[in-house]
Amino acid sequence: MKVDKIRNLTEEELLHQERDLADQLFKLKFQLNMGQTESLKKIRGLRKDIARVKTILGERTRAAATEKR
């Protein structure tokens, strides 16, 4: 997922996206441990997408905190 696309989402959508990506990651890790899949690229991509979403959420919370001052 591209950063520009993530930045256009609302906070609720970002939180939903984070939960969805974490769920996908859990399922892929479970499949990997069961020997059903070998998709390490997908796992890496999901981890990076989760990090992007968390980064954008963090930026927004810090920006909101500085605006209140």
PDB file of N, CA and C in Angstrom:
ATOM      1  N   MET A   1       0.849  -1.169   0.000  1.00  0.00           N
ATOM      2  CA  MET A   1       0.000   0.000   0.000  1.00  0.00           C
ATOM      3  C   MET A   1       0.897   1.236   0.000  1.00  0.00           C
ATOM      4  N   LYS A   2       0.536   2.191  -0.807  1.00  0.00           N
ATOM      5  CA  LYS A   2       1.331   3.404  -0.939  1.00  0.00           C
ATOM      6  C   LYS A   2       1.050   4.382   0.198  1.00  0.00           C
ATOM      7  N   VAL A   3       2.033   5.186   0.522  1.00  0.00           N
ATOM      8  CA  VAL A   3       1.923   6.147   1.618  1.00  0.00           C
ATOM      9  C   VAL A   3       0.869   7.211   1.293  1.00  0.00           C
ATOM     10  N   ASP A   4       0.807   7.642   0.042  1.00  0.00           N
ATOM     11  CA  ASP A   4      -0.180   8.659  -0.330  1.00  0.00           C
ATOM     12  C   ASP A   4      -1.597   8.149  -0.098  1.00  0.00           C
ATOM     13  N   LYS A   5      -1.819   6.896  -0.411  1.00  0.00           N
ATOM     14  CA  LYS A   5      -3.132   6.295  -0.218  1.00  0.00           C
ATOM     15  C   LYS A   5      -3.468   6.212   1.273  1.00  0.00           C
ATOM     16  N   ILE A   6      -2.477   5.908   2.095  1.00  0.00           N
ATOM     17  CA  ILE A   6      -2.689   5.801   3.538  1.00  0.00           C
ATOM     18  C   ILE A   6      -2.983   7.169   4.130  1.00  0.00           C
ATOM     19  N   ARG A   7      -2.293   8.187   3.678  1.00  0.00           N
ATOM     20  CA  ARG A   7      -2.483   9.530   4.222  1.00  0.00           C
ATOM     21  C   ARG A   7      -3.880  10.085   3.946  1.00  0.00           C
ATOM     22  N   ASN A   8      -4.540   9.605   2.901  1.00  0.00           N
ATOM     23  CA  ASN A   8      -5.878  10.089   2.561  1.00  0.00           C
ATOM     24  C   ASN A   8      -6.978   9.442   3.400  1.00  0.00           C
ATOM     25  N   LEU A   9      -6.643   8.431   4.194  1.00  0.00           N
ATOM     26  CA  LEU A   9      -7.637   7.743   5.005  1.00  0.00           C
ATOM     27  C   LEU A   9      -7.909   8.518   6.296  1.00  0.00           C
ATOM     28  N   THR A  10      -9.122   8.357   6.838  1.00  0.00           N
ATOM     29  CA  THR A  10      -9.448   8.968   8.123  1.00  0.00           C
ATOM     30  C   THR A  10      -8.857   8.105   9.233  1.00  0.00           C
ATOM     31  N   GLU A  11      -8.917   8.610  10.466  1.00  0.00           N
ATOM     32  CA  GLU A  11      -8.351   7.859  11.591  1.00  0.00           C
ATOM     33  C   GLU A  11      -9.079   6.551  11.815  1.00  0.00           C
ATOM     34  N   GLU A  12     -10.398   6.563  11.674  1.00  0.00           N
ATOM     35  CA  GLU A  12     -11.163   5.323  11.835  1.00  0.00           C
ATOM     36  C   GLU A  12     -10.770   4.300  10.775  1.00  0.00           C
ATOM     37  N   GLU A  13     -10.615   4.777   9.546  1.00  0.00           N
ATOM     38  CA  GLU A  13     -10.209   3.874   8.465  1.00  0.00           C
ATOM     39  C   GLU A  13      -8.801   3.337   8.699  1.00  0.00           C
ATOM     40  N   LEU A  14      -7.925   4.179   9.242  1.00  0.00           N
ATOM     41  CA  LEU A  14      -6.564   3.736   9.536  1.00  0.00           C
ATOM     42  C   LEU A  14      -6.564   2.649  10.613  1.00  0.00           C
ATOM     43  N   LEU A  15      -7.357   2.856  11.648  1.00  0.00           N
ATOM     44  CA  LEU A  15      -7.435   1.850  12.707  1.00  0.00           C
ATOM     45  C   LEU A  15      -8.012   0.542  12.180  1.00  0.00           C
ATOM     46  N   HIS A  16      -9.014   0.653  11.336  1.00  0.00           N
ATOM     47  CA  HIS A  16      -9.602  -0.547  10.735  1.00  0.00           C
ATOM     48  C   HIS A  16      -8.577  -1.246   9.833  1.00  0.00           C
ATOM     49  N   GLN A  17      -7.842  -0.458   9.067  1.00  0.00           N
ATOM     50  CA  GLN A  17      -6.816  -1.012   8.172  1.00  0.00           C
ATOM     51  C   GLN A  17      -5.731  -1.716   8.983  1.00  0.00           C
ATOM     52  N   GLU A  18      -5.340  -1.116  10.100  1.00  0.00           N
ATOM     53  CA  GLU A  18      -4.314  -1.722  10.948  1.00  0.00           C
ATOM     54  C   GLU A  18      -4.773  -3.074  11.492  1.00  0.00           C
ATOM     55  N   ARG A  19      -6.017  -3.120  11.976  1.00  0.00           N
ATOM     56  CA  ARG A  19      -6.564  -4.385  12.489  1.00  0.00           C
ATOM     57  C   ARG A  19      -6.644  -5.434  11.386  1.00  0.00           C
ATOM     58  N   ASP A  20      -7.067  -5.015  10.202  1.00  0.00           N
ATOM     59  CA  ASP A  20      -7.196  -5.935   9.082  1.00  0.00           C
ATOM     60  C   ASP A  20      -5.833  -6.495   8.672  1.00  0.00           C
ATOM     61  N   LEU A  21      -4.833  -5.620   8.592  1.00  0.00           N
ATOM     62  CA  LEU A  21      -3.485  -6.065   8.217  1.00  0.00           C
ATOM     63  C   LEU A  21      -2.900  -6.991   9.280  1.00  0.00           C
ATOM     64  N   ALA A  22      -3.124  -6.669  10.544  1.00  0.00           N
ATOM     65  CA  ALA A  22      -2.620  -7.521  11.624  1.00  0.00           C
ATOM     66  C   ALA A  22      -3.277  -8.901  11.572  1.00  0.00           C
ATOM     67  N   ASP A  23      -4.563  -8.932  11.238  1.00  0.00           N
ATOM     68  CA  ASP A  23      -5.267 -10.207  11.112  1.00  0.00           C
ATOM     69  C   ASP A  23      -4.700 -11.030   9.950  1.00  0.00           C
ATOM     70  N   GLN A  24      -4.459 -10.378   8.829  1.00  0.00           N
ATOM     71  CA  GLN A  24      -3.866 -11.063   7.677  1.00  0.00           C
ATOM     72  C   GLN A  24      -2.490 -11.608   8.024  1.00  0.00           C
ATOM     73  N   LEU A  25      -1.703 -10.808   8.739  1.00  0.00           N
ATOM     74  CA  LEU A  25      -0.363 -11.229   9.130  1.00  0.00           C
ATOM     75  C   LEU A  25      -0.425 -12.448  10.043  1.00  0.00           C
ATOM     76  N   PHE A  26      -1.353 -12.433  10.992  1.00  0.00           N
ATOM     77  CA  PHE A  26      -1.516 -13.568  11.893  1.00  0.00           C
ATOM     78  C   PHE A  26      -1.841 -14.840  11.107  1.00  0.00           C
ATOM     79  N   LYS A  27      -2.769 -14.724  10.163  1.00  0.00           N
ATOM     80  CA  LYS A  27      -3.161 -15.894   9.369  1.00  0.00           C
ATOM     81  C   LYS A  27      -1.988 -16.424   8.540  1.00  0.00           C
ATOM     82  N   LEU A  28      -1.211 -15.513   7.947  1.00  0.00           N
ATOM     83  CA  LEU A  28      -0.064 -15.950   7.147  1.00  0.00           C
ATOM     84  C   LEU A  28       1.003 -16.611   8.010  1.00  0.00           C
ATOM     85  N   LYS A  29       1.251 -16.047   9.199  1.00  0.00           N
ATOM     86  CA  LYS A  29       2.231 -16.657  10.098  1.00  0.00           C
ATOM     87  C   LYS A  29       1.773 -18.036  10.547  1.00  0.00           C
ATOM     88  N   PHE A  30       0.478 -18.165  10.800  1.00  0.00           N
ATOM     89  CA  PHE A  30      -0.081 -19.457  11.201  1.00  0.00           C
ATOM     90  C   PHE A  30       0.099 -20.475  10.076  1.00  0.00           C
ATOM     91  N   GLN A  31      -0.215 -20.071   8.849  1.00  0.00           N
ATOM     92  CA  GLN A  31      -0.038 -20.956   7.697  1.00  0.00           C
ATOM     93  C   GLN A  31       1.427 -21.325   7.506  1.00  0.00           C
ATOM     94  N   LEU A  32       2.314 -20.373   7.729  1.00  0.00           N
ATOM     95  CA  LEU A  32       3.739 -20.633   7.583  1.00  0.00           C
ATOM     96  C   LEU A  32       4.203 -21.671   8.593  1.00  0.00           C
ATOM     97  N   ASN A  33       3.733 -21.544   9.837  1.00  0.00           N
ATOM     98  CA  ASN A  33       4.113 -22.508  10.871  1.00  0.00           C
ATOM     99  C   ASN A  33       3.525 -23.882  10.621  1.00  0.00           C
ATOM    100  N   MET A  34       2.375 -23.939   9.966  1.00  0.00           N
ATOM    101  CA  MET A  34       1.747 -25.219   9.655  1.00  0.00           C
ATOM    102  C   MET A  34       2.337 -25.844   8.394  1.00  0.00           C
ATOM    103  N   GLY A  35       3.179 -25.093   7.703  1.00  0.00           N
ATOM    104  CA  GLY A  35       3.816 -25.607   6.498  1.00  0.00           C
ATOM    105  C   GLY A  35       2.941 -25.511   5.260  1.00  0.00           C
ATOM    106  N   GLN A  36       1.893 -24.713   5.312  1.00  0.00           N
ATOM    107  CA  GLN A  36       0.983 -24.600   4.179  1.00  0.00           C
ATOM    108  C   GLN A  36       1.408 -23.537   3.175  1.00  0.00           C
ATOM    109  N   THR A  37       2.256 -22.624   3.580  1.00  0.00           N
ATOM    110  CA  THR A  37       2.663 -21.554   2.676  1.00  0.00           C
ATOM    111  C   THR A  37       4.132 -21.207   2.908  1.00  0.00           C
ATOM    112  N   GLU A  38       4.721 -20.600   1.907  1.00  0.00           N
ATOM    113  CA  GLU A  38       6.101 -20.135   2.020  1.00  0.00           C
ATOM    114  C   GLU A  38       6.201 -18.701   1.515  1.00  0.00           C
ATOM    115  N   SER A  39       5.210 -17.902   1.812  1.00  0.00           N
ATOM    116  CA  SER A  39       5.132 -16.543   1.273  1.00  0.00           C
ATOM    117  C   SER A  39       5.781 -15.533   2.217  1.00  0.00           C
ATOM    118  N   LEU A  40       7.085 -15.550   2.272  1.00  0.00           N
ATOM    119  CA  LEU A  40       7.801 -14.601   3.127  1.00  0.00           C
ATOM    120  C   LEU A  40       7.683 -13.179   2.612  1.00  0.00           C
ATOM    121  N   LYS A  41       7.574 -13.012   1.298  1.00  0.00           N
ATOM    122  CA  LYS A  41       7.433 -11.673   0.734  1.00  0.00           C
ATOM    123  C   LYS A  41       6.134 -11.025   1.192  1.00  0.00           C
ATOM    124  N   LYS A  42       5.064 -11.796   1.252  1.00  0.00           N
ATOM    125  CA  LYS A  42       3.787 -11.254   1.714  1.00  0.00           C
ATOM    126  C   LYS A  42       3.874 -10.856   3.180  1.00  0.00           C
ATOM    127  N   ILE A  43       4.543 -11.670   3.982  1.00  0.00           N
ATOM    128  CA  ILE A  43       4.685 -11.361   5.406  1.00  0.00           C
ATOM    129  C   ILE A  43       5.477 -10.079   5.596  1.00  0.00           C
ATOM    130  N   ARG A  44       6.568  -9.945   4.864  1.00  0.00           N
ATOM    131  CA  ARG A  44       7.376  -8.724   4.955  1.00  0.00           C
ATOM    132  C   ARG A  44       6.577  -7.503   4.517  1.00  0.00           C
ATOM    133  N   GLY A  45       5.830  -7.662   3.427  1.00  0.00           N
ATOM    134  CA  GLY A  45       5.015  -6.555   2.933  1.00  0.00           C
ATOM    135  C   GLY A  45       3.954  -6.131   3.933  1.00  0.00           C
ATOM    136  N   LEU A  46       3.300  -7.108   4.565  1.00  0.00           N
ATOM    137  CA  LEU A  46       2.282  -6.789   5.566  1.00  0.00           C
ATOM    138  C   LEU A  46       2.884  -6.081   6.763  1.00  0.00           C
ATOM    139  N   ARG A  47       4.060  -6.538   7.199  1.00  0.00           N
ATOM    140  CA  ARG A  47       4.719  -5.886   8.334  1.00  0.00           C
ATOM    141  C   ARG A  47       5.054  -4.432   7.999  1.00  0.00           C
ATOM    142  N   LYS A  48       5.510  -4.199   6.775  1.00  0.00           N
ATOM    143  CA  LYS A  48       5.835  -2.832   6.369  1.00  0.00           C
ATOM    144  C   LYS A  48       4.584  -1.973   6.266  1.00  0.00           C
ATOM    145  N   ASP A  49       3.490  -2.551   5.763  1.00  0.00           N
ATOM    146  CA  ASP A  49       2.232  -1.808   5.676  1.00  0.00           C
ATOM    147  C   ASP A  49       1.718  -1.440   7.062  1.00  0.00           C
ATOM    148  N   ILE A  50       1.808  -2.365   8.008  1.00  0.00           N
ATOM    149  CA  ILE A  50       1.392  -2.082   9.381  1.00  0.00           C
ATOM    150  C   ILE A  50       2.244  -0.953   9.959  1.00  0.00           C
ATOM    151  N   ALA A  51       3.536  -0.996   9.699  1.00  0.00           N
ATOM    152  CA  ALA A  51       4.434   0.054  10.195  1.00  0.00           C
ATOM    153  C   ALA A  51       4.073   1.405   9.584  1.00  0.00           C
ATOM    154  N   ARG A  52       3.726   1.421   8.294  1.00  0.00           N
ATOM    155  CA  ARG A  52       3.334   2.672   7.647  1.00  0.00           C
ATOM    156  C   ARG A  52       2.079   3.254   8.297  1.00  0.00           C
ATOM    157  N   VAL A  53       1.088   2.393   8.517  1.00  0.00           N
ATOM    158  CA  VAL A  53      -0.163   2.849   9.119  1.00  0.00           C
ATOM    159  C   VAL A  53       0.101   3.386  10.523  1.00  0.00           C
ATOM    160  N   LYS A  54       0.897   2.667  11.316  1.00  0.00           N
ATOM    161  CA  LYS A  54       1.200   3.119  12.672  1.00  0.00           C
ATOM    162  C   LYS A  54       1.976   4.434  12.663  1.00  0.00           C
ATOM    163  N   THR A  55       2.845   4.609  11.688  1.00  0.00           N
ATOM    164  CA  THR A  55       3.617   5.848  11.579  1.00  0.00           C
ATOM    165  C   THR A  55       2.697   7.026  11.299  1.00  0.00           C
ATOM    166  N   ILE A  56       1.766   6.853  10.373  1.00  0.00           N
ATOM    167  CA  ILE A  56       0.831   7.929  10.038  1.00  0.00           C
ATOM    168  C   ILE A  56      -0.051   8.257  11.240  1.00  0.00           C
ATOM    169  N   LEU A  57      -0.528   7.224  11.941  1.00  0.00           N
ATOM    170  CA  LEU A  57      -1.338   7.466  13.144  1.00  0.00           C
ATOM    171  C   LEU A  57      -0.536   8.220  14.196  1.00  0.00           C
ATOM    172  N   GLY A  58       0.721   7.847  14.368  1.00  0.00           N
ATOM    173  CA  GLY A  58       1.576   8.529  15.326  1.00  0.00           C
ATOM    174  C   GLY A  58       1.816   9.982  14.957  1.00  0.00           C
ATOM    175  N   GLU A  59       2.025  10.233  13.669  1.00  0.00           N
ATOM    176  CA  GLU A  59       2.220  11.603  13.212  1.00  0.00           C
ATOM    177  C   GLU A  59       0.993  12.454  13.504  1.00  0.00           C
ATOM    178  N   ARG A  60      -0.172  11.872  13.257  1.00  0.00           N
ATOM    179  CA  ARG A  60      -1.411  12.624  13.485  1.00  0.00           C
ATOM    180  C   ARG A  60      -1.640  12.903  14.958  1.00  0.00           C
ATOM    181  N   THR A  61      -1.343  11.950  15.822  1.00  0.00           N
ATOM    182  CA  THR A  61      -1.537  12.185  17.255  1.00  0.00           C
ATOM    183  C   THR A  61      -0.549  13.222  17.775  1.00  0.00           C
ATOM    184  N   ARG A  62       0.687  13.173  17.290  1.00  0.00           N
ATOM    185  CA  ARG A  62       1.665  14.183  17.709  1.00  0.00           C
ATOM    186  C   ARG A  62       1.287  15.563  17.191  1.00  0.00           C
ATOM    187  N   ALA A  63       0.755  15.629  15.973  1.00  0.00           N
ATOM    188  CA  ALA A  63       0.332  16.912  15.412  1.00  0.00           C
ATOM    189  C   ALA A  63      -0.845  17.472  16.200  1.00  0.00           C
ATOM    190  N   ALA A  64      -1.761  16.601  16.594  1.00  0.00           N
ATOM    191  CA  ALA A  64      -2.913  17.047  17.379  1.00  0.00           C
ATOM    192  C   ALA A  64      -2.476  17.532  18.765  1.00  0.00           C
ATOM    193  N   ALA A  65      -1.475  16.874  19.332  1.00  0.00           N
ATOM    194  CA  ALA A  65      -0.993  17.250  20.656  1.00  0.00           C
ATOM    195  C   ALA A  65      -0.292  18.618  20.604  1.00  0.00           C
ATOM    196  N   THR A  66       0.446  18.887  19.546  1.00  0.00           N
ATOM    197  CA  THR A  66       1.127  20.185  19.442  1.00  0.00           C
ATOM    198  C   THR A  66       0.146  21.308  19.137  1.00  0.00           C
ATOM    199  N   GLU A  67      -0.962  20.999  18.457  1.00  0.00           N
ATOM    200  CA  GLU A  67      -1.967  22.025  18.170  1.00  0.00           C
ATOM    201  C   GLU A  67      -2.686  22.460  19.447  1.00  0.00           C
ATOM    202  N   LYS A  68      -2.814  21.565  20.392  1.00  0.00           N
ATOM    203  CA  LYS A  68      -3.527  21.878  21.633  1.00  0.00           C
ATOM    204  C   LYS A  68      -2.719  22.825  22.519  1.00  0.00           C
ATOM    205  N   ARG A  69      -1.432  22.860  22.338  1.00  0.00           N
ATOM    206  CA  ARG A  69      -0.575  23.699  23.192  1.00  0.00           C
ATOM    207  C   ARG A  69      -0.723  25.134  22.886  1.00  0.00           C
TER     208      ARG A  69
END
